Each structure stands twice: as C-alpha cells, then as structure tokens.
C-alpha cells in the first residue's frame, strides 16, 4: 500500500512539473474574447475588472 501511494505521488509531482515546463516554454499571448460553443453558450464574459487586468499586463 505504501509503495502504491509513493508511486502515485511521484507521478503526480512529475506530471505537475512537466505541465509547468510546457506552459512556461510555449509562446503565446492570452486573448480576451468571447467564445461560443456549438449550441451558442457563451464561455467567456468580459468584465471591467478583467479588462483592467489585461490592460495592466500590456504595460
């Protein structure tokens, strides 16, 4: 049981580290736009606080 738990925790740590490495390396700019699903559901709503946050990132 203890070995199973240790193995799980090792995989969790390695997977997290890999995800962080990929996200840090991958180029790209966050975009703030509305996206809709096929059925028209809006997945993103722009708020004044969100606009201010992205404005602060540009400077």
PDB file of N, CA and C in Angstrom:
ATOM      1  N   UNK A   1       0.828  -1.188   0.000  1.00  0.00           N
ATOM      2  CA  UNK A   1       0.000   0.000   0.000  1.00  0.00           C
ATOM      3  C   UNK A   1       0.870   1.249   0.000  1.00  0.00           C
ATOM      4  N   UNK A   2       1.916   1.258   0.820  1.00  0.00           N
ATOM      5  CA  UNK A   2       2.786   2.427   0.911  1.00  0.00           C
ATOM      6  C   UNK A   2       3.512   2.678  -0.412  1.00  0.00           C
ATOM      7  N   UNK A   3       3.933   1.595  -1.094  1.00  0.00           N
ATOM      8  CA  UNK A   3       4.606   1.745  -2.386  1.00  0.00           C
ATOM      9  C   UNK A   3       3.660   2.318  -3.436  1.00  0.00           C
ATOM     10  N   UNK A   4       2.405   1.903  -3.388  1.00  0.00           N
ATOM     11  CA  UNK A   4       1.427   2.437  -4.336  1.00  0.00           C
ATOM     12  C   UNK A   4       1.242   3.937  -4.142  1.00  0.00           C
ATOM     13  N   UNK A   5       1.162   4.343  -2.906  1.00  0.00           N
ATOM     14  CA  UNK A   5       0.985   5.762  -2.598  1.00  0.00           C
ATOM     15  C   UNK A   5       2.212   6.556  -3.035  1.00  0.00           C
ATOM     16  N   UNK A   6       3.390   6.044  -2.764  1.00  0.00           N
ATOM     17  CA  UNK A   6       4.632   6.723  -3.146  1.00  0.00           C
ATOM     18  C   UNK A   6       4.721   6.841  -4.670  1.00  0.00           C
ATOM     19  N   UNK A   7       4.363   5.775  -5.366  1.00  0.00           N
ATOM     20  CA  UNK A   7       4.387   5.790  -6.817  1.00  0.00           C
ATOM     21  C   UNK A   7       3.405   6.831  -7.360  1.00  0.00           C
ATOM     22  N   UNK A   8       2.229   6.890  -6.779  1.00  0.00           N
ATOM     23  CA  UNK A   8       1.232   7.867  -7.194  1.00  0.00           C
ATOM     24  C   UNK A   8       1.747   9.291  -6.980  1.00  0.00           C
ATOM     25  N   UNK A   9       2.335   9.547  -5.825  1.00  0.00           N
ATOM     26  CA  UNK A   9       2.837  10.886  -5.533  1.00  0.00           C
ATOM     27  C   UNK A   9       3.988  11.280  -6.460  1.00  0.00           C
ATOM     28  N   UNK A  10       4.852  10.341  -6.789  1.00  0.00           N
ATOM     29  CA  UNK A  10       5.939  10.620  -7.728  1.00  0.00           C
ATOM     30  C   UNK A  10       5.379  10.993  -9.099  1.00  0.00           C
ATOM     31  N   UNK A  11       4.395  10.246  -9.563  1.00  0.00           N
ATOM     32  CA  UNK A  11       3.786  10.545 -10.861  1.00  0.00           C
ATOM     33  C   UNK A  11       3.091  11.890 -10.839  1.00  0.00           C
ATOM     34  N   UNK A  12       2.452  12.215  -9.740  1.00  0.00           N
ATOM     35  CA  UNK A  12       1.773  13.492  -9.600  1.00  0.00           C
ATOM     36  C   UNK A  12       2.767  14.648  -9.675  1.00  0.00           C
ATOM     37  N   UNK A  13       3.874  14.523  -8.975  1.00  0.00           N
ATOM     38  CA  UNK A  13       4.896  15.573  -8.974  1.00  0.00           C
ATOM     39  C   UNK A  13       5.527  15.714 -10.355  1.00  0.00           C
ATOM     40  N   UNK A  14       5.857  14.603 -10.986  1.00  0.00           N
ATOM     41  CA  UNK A  14       6.459  14.660 -12.319  1.00  0.00           C
ATOM     42  C   UNK A  14       5.492  15.237 -13.352  1.00  0.00           C
ATOM     43  N   UNK A  15       4.238  14.872 -13.252  1.00  0.00           N
ATOM     44  CA  UNK A  15       3.245  15.407 -14.176  1.00  0.00           C
ATOM     45  C   UNK A  15       3.044  16.901 -13.990  1.00  0.00           C
ATOM     46  N   UNK A  16       3.037  17.340 -12.753  1.00  0.00           N
ATOM     47  CA  UNK A  16       2.894  18.772 -12.469  1.00  0.00           C
ATOM     48  C   UNK A  16       4.091  19.547 -12.989  1.00  0.00           C
ATOM     49  N   UNK A  17       5.278  19.015 -12.772  1.00  0.00           N
ATOM     50  CA  UNK A  17       6.491  19.678 -13.243  1.00  0.00           C
ATOM     51  C   UNK A  17       6.501  19.759 -14.765  1.00  0.00           C
ATOM     52  N   UNK A  18       6.067  18.715 -15.426  1.00  0.00           N
ATOM     53  CA  UNK A  18       6.021  18.724 -16.885  1.00  0.00           C
ATOM     54  C   UNK A  18       5.011  19.750 -17.390  1.00  0.00           C
ATOM     55  N   UNK A  19       3.876  19.851 -16.740  1.00  0.00           N
ATOM     56  CA  UNK A  19       2.862  20.824 -17.155  1.00  0.00           C
ATOM     57  C   UNK A  19       3.363  22.247 -16.980  1.00  0.00           C
ATOM     58  N   UNK A  20       4.059  22.502 -15.900  1.00  0.00           N
ATOM     59  CA  UNK A  20       4.614  23.837 -15.665  1.00  0.00           C
ATOM     60  C   UNK A  20       5.676  24.153 -16.708  1.00  0.00           C
ATOM     61  N   UNK A  21       6.521  23.193 -17.019  1.00  0.00           N
ATOM     62  CA  UNK A  21       7.575  23.406 -18.006  1.00  0.00           C
ATOM     63  C   UNK A  21       6.990  23.702 -19.385  1.00  0.00           C
ATOM     64  N   UNK A  22       5.976  22.986 -19.771  1.00  0.00           N
ATOM     65  CA  UNK A  22       5.348  23.201 -21.079  1.00  0.00           C
ATOM     66  C   UNK A  22       4.684  24.564 -21.135  1.00  0.00           C
ATOM     67  N   UNK A  23       3.989  24.938 -20.089  1.00  0.00           N
ATOM     68  CA  UNK A  23       3.296  26.228 -20.112  1.00  0.00           C
ATOM     69  C   UNK A  23       4.283  27.391 -20.063  1.00  0.00           C
ATOM     70  N   UNK A  24       5.422  27.211 -19.424  1.00  0.00           N
ATOM     71  CA  UNK A  24       6.421  28.274 -19.350  1.00  0.00           C
ATOM     72  C   UNK A  24       7.151  28.447 -20.672  1.00  0.00           C
ATOM     73  N   UNK A  25       7.310  27.370 -21.424  1.00  0.00           N
ATOM     74  CA  UNK A  25       8.054  27.405 -22.674  1.00  0.00           C
ATOM     75  C   UNK A  25       7.179  27.819 -23.848  1.00  0.00           C
ATOM     76  N   UNK A  26       5.934  27.438 -23.846  1.00  0.00           N
ATOM     77  CA  UNK A  26       5.091  27.681 -25.005  1.00  0.00           C
ATOM     78  C   UNK A  26       4.812  29.170 -25.181  1.00  0.00           C
ATOM     79  N   UNK A  27       5.143  29.706 -26.367  1.00  0.00           N
ATOM     80  CA  UNK A  27       4.884  31.115 -26.631  1.00  0.00           C
ATOM     81  C   UNK A  27       3.399  31.343 -26.887  1.00  0.00           C
ATOM     82  N   UNK A  28       2.980  32.530 -26.687  1.00  0.00           N
ATOM     83  CA  UNK A  28       1.587  32.840 -26.952  1.00  0.00           C
ATOM     84  C   UNK A  28       1.140  33.986 -26.090  1.00  0.00           C
ATOM     85  N   UNK A  29       0.071  34.585 -26.524  1.00  0.00           N
ATOM     86  CA  UNK A  29      -0.476  35.721 -25.801  1.00  0.00           C
ATOM     87  C   UNK A  29      -1.899  35.377 -25.424  1.00  0.00           C
ATOM     88  N   UNK A  30      -2.260  35.686 -24.219  1.00  0.00           N
ATOM     89  CA  UNK A  30      -3.628  35.431 -23.790  1.00  0.00           C
ATOM     90  C   UNK A  30      -4.555  36.390 -24.526  1.00  0.00           C
ATOM     91  N   UNK A  31      -5.650  35.879 -24.982  1.00  0.00           N
ATOM     92  CA  UNK A  31      -6.601  36.741 -25.668  1.00  0.00           C
ATOM     93  C   UNK A  31      -7.896  36.803 -24.866  1.00  0.00           C
ATOM     94  N   UNK A  32      -8.474  37.963 -24.845  1.00  0.00           N
ATOM     95  CA  UNK A  32      -9.724  38.153 -24.123  1.00  0.00           C
ATOM     96  C   UNK A  32     -10.824  38.354 -25.150  1.00  0.00           C
ATOM     97  N   UNK A  33     -11.500  37.300 -25.492  1.00  0.00           N
ATOM     98  CA  UNK A  33     -12.593  37.403 -26.450  1.00  0.00           C
ATOM     99  C   UNK A  33     -13.675  36.420 -26.070  1.00  0.00           C
ATOM    100  N   UNK A  34     -14.839  36.677 -26.572  1.00  0.00           N
ATOM    101  CA  UNK A  34     -15.953  35.788 -26.281  1.00  0.00           C
ATOM    102  C   UNK A  34     -15.852  34.561 -27.172  1.00  0.00           C
ATOM    103  N   UNK A  35     -16.067  33.410 -26.583  1.00  0.00           N
ATOM    104  CA  UNK A  35     -16.069  32.164 -27.331  1.00  0.00           C
ATOM    105  C   UNK A  35     -17.406  31.484 -27.097  1.00  0.00           C
ATOM    106  N   UNK A  36     -17.941  30.921 -28.138  1.00  0.00           N
ATOM    107  CA  UNK A  36     -19.217  30.228 -28.014  1.00  0.00           C
ATOM    108  C   UNK A  36     -19.057  28.771 -28.403  1.00  0.00           C
ATOM    109  N   UNK A  37     -19.863  27.938 -27.792  1.00  0.00           N
ATOM    110  CA  UNK A  37     -19.882  26.531 -28.159  1.00  0.00           C
ATOM    111  C   UNK A  37     -20.795  26.357 -29.356  1.00  0.00           C
ATOM    112  N   UNK A  38     -20.917  25.146 -29.836  1.00  0.00           N
ATOM    113  CA  UNK A  38     -21.756  24.871 -30.991  1.00  0.00           C
ATOM    114  C   UNK A  38     -23.223  25.220 -30.726  1.00  0.00           C
ATOM    115  N   UNK A  39     -23.645  25.097 -29.469  1.00  0.00           N
ATOM    116  CA  UNK A  39     -25.040  25.395 -29.162  1.00  0.00           C
ATOM    117  C   UNK A  39     -25.254  26.859 -28.768  1.00  0.00           C
ATOM    118  N   UNK A  40     -24.201  27.704 -28.903  1.00  0.00           N
ATOM    119  CA  UNK A  40     -24.342  29.124 -28.657  1.00  0.00           C
ATOM    120  C   UNK A  40     -24.090  29.576 -27.233  1.00  0.00           C
ATOM    121  N   UNK A  41     -23.682  28.684 -26.351  1.00  0.00           N
ATOM    122  CA  UNK A  41     -23.411  29.048 -24.968  1.00  0.00           C
ATOM    123  C   UNK A  41     -22.135  29.891 -24.903  1.00  0.00           C
ATOM    124  N   UNK A  42     -22.185  31.027 -24.233  1.00  0.00           N
ATOM    125  CA  UNK A  42     -21.013  31.884 -24.097  1.00  0.00           C
ATOM    126  C   UNK A  42     -20.138  31.335 -22.982  1.00  0.00           C
ATOM    127  N   UNK A  43     -18.861  31.117 -23.319  1.00  0.00           N
ATOM    128  CA  UNK A  43     -17.927  30.556 -22.359  1.00  0.00           C
ATOM    129  C   UNK A  43     -17.139  31.638 -21.632  1.00  0.00           C
ATOM    130  N   UNK A  44     -17.199  32.853 -22.101  1.00  0.00           N
ATOM    131  CA  UNK A  44     -16.394  33.916 -21.535  1.00  0.00           C
ATOM    132  C   UNK A  44     -17.209  35.191 -21.513  1.00  0.00           C
ATOM    133  N   UNK A  45     -17.186  35.905 -20.421  1.00  0.00           N
ATOM    134  CA  UNK A  45     -17.847  37.202 -20.317  1.00  0.00           C
ATOM    135  C   UNK A  45     -16.812  38.221 -19.865  1.00  0.00           C
ATOM    136  N   UNK A  46     -16.657  39.257 -20.682  1.00  0.00           N
ATOM    137  CA  UNK A  46     -15.686  40.291 -20.368  1.00  0.00           C
ATOM    138  C   UNK A  46     -16.254  41.232 -19.316  1.00  0.00           C
ATOM    139  N   UNK A  47     -15.504  41.461 -18.263  1.00  0.00           N
ATOM    140  CA  UNK A  47     -15.923  42.361 -17.196  1.00  0.00           C
ATOM    141  C   UNK A  47     -14.915  43.509 -17.106  1.00  0.00           C
ATOM    142  N   UNK A  48     -15.293  44.614 -16.501  1.00  0.00           N
ATOM    143  CA  UNK A  48     -14.335  45.719 -16.349  1.00  0.00           C
ATOM    144  C   UNK A  48     -13.078  45.306 -15.588  1.00  0.00           C
ATOM    145  N   UNK A  49     -13.217  44.483 -14.588  1.00  0.00           N
ATOM    146  CA  UNK A  49     -12.054  44.029 -13.824  1.00  0.00           C
ATOM    147  C   UNK A  49     -11.122  43.198 -14.704  1.00  0.00           C
ATOM    148  N   UNK A  50     -11.685  42.380 -15.558  1.00  0.00           N
ATOM    149  CA  UNK A  50     -10.889  41.549 -16.455  1.00  0.00           C
ATOM    150  C   UNK A  50     -10.158  42.418 -17.472  1.00  0.00           C
ATOM    151  N   UNK A  51     -10.855  43.424 -18.040  1.00  0.00           N
ATOM    152  CA  UNK A  51     -10.219  44.345 -18.982  1.00  0.00           C
ATOM    153  C   UNK A  51      -9.069  45.086 -18.314  1.00  0.00           C
ATOM    154  N   UNK A  52      -9.252  45.529 -17.095  1.00  0.00           N
ATOM    155  CA  UNK A  52      -8.202  46.234 -16.364  1.00  0.00           C
ATOM    156  C   UNK A  52      -7.003  45.326 -16.103  1.00  0.00           C
ATOM    157  N   UNK A  53      -7.273  44.068 -15.791  1.00  0.00           N
ATOM    158  CA  UNK A  53      -6.202  43.100 -15.573  1.00  0.00           C
ATOM    159  C   UNK A  53      -5.372  42.947 -16.831  1.00  0.00           C
ATOM    160  N   UNK A  54      -5.998  42.736 -17.973  1.00  0.00           N
ATOM    161  CA  UNK A  54      -5.244  42.569 -19.212  1.00  0.00           C
ATOM    162  C   UNK A  54      -4.562  43.862 -19.619  1.00  0.00           C
ATOM    163  N   UNK A  55      -5.140  45.000 -19.336  1.00  0.00           N
ATOM    164  CA  UNK A  55      -4.504  46.275 -19.626  1.00  0.00           C
ATOM    165  C   UNK A  55      -3.227  46.402 -18.799  1.00  0.00           C
ATOM    166  N   UNK A  56      -3.258  45.931 -17.558  1.00  0.00           N
ATOM    167  CA  UNK A  56      -2.066  46.008 -16.714  1.00  0.00           C
ATOM    168  C   UNK A  56      -0.955  45.079 -17.208  1.00  0.00           C
ATOM    169  N   UNK A  57      -1.315  44.000 -17.881  1.00  0.00           N
ATOM    170  CA  UNK A  57      -0.308  43.080 -18.395  1.00  0.00           C
ATOM    171  C   UNK A  57       0.428  43.646 -19.604  1.00  0.00           C
ATOM    172  N   UNK A  58      -0.244  44.491 -20.365  1.00  0.00           N
ATOM    173  CA  UNK A  58       0.361  45.051 -21.576  1.00  0.00           C
ATOM    174  C   UNK A  58       1.437  46.081 -21.270  1.00  0.00           C
ATOM    175  N   UNK A  59       1.348  46.741 -20.135  1.00  0.00           N
ATOM    176  CA  UNK A  59       2.324  47.797 -19.843  1.00  0.00           C
ATOM    177  C   UNK A  59       3.580  47.305 -19.198  1.00  0.00           C
TER     178      UNK A  59
END
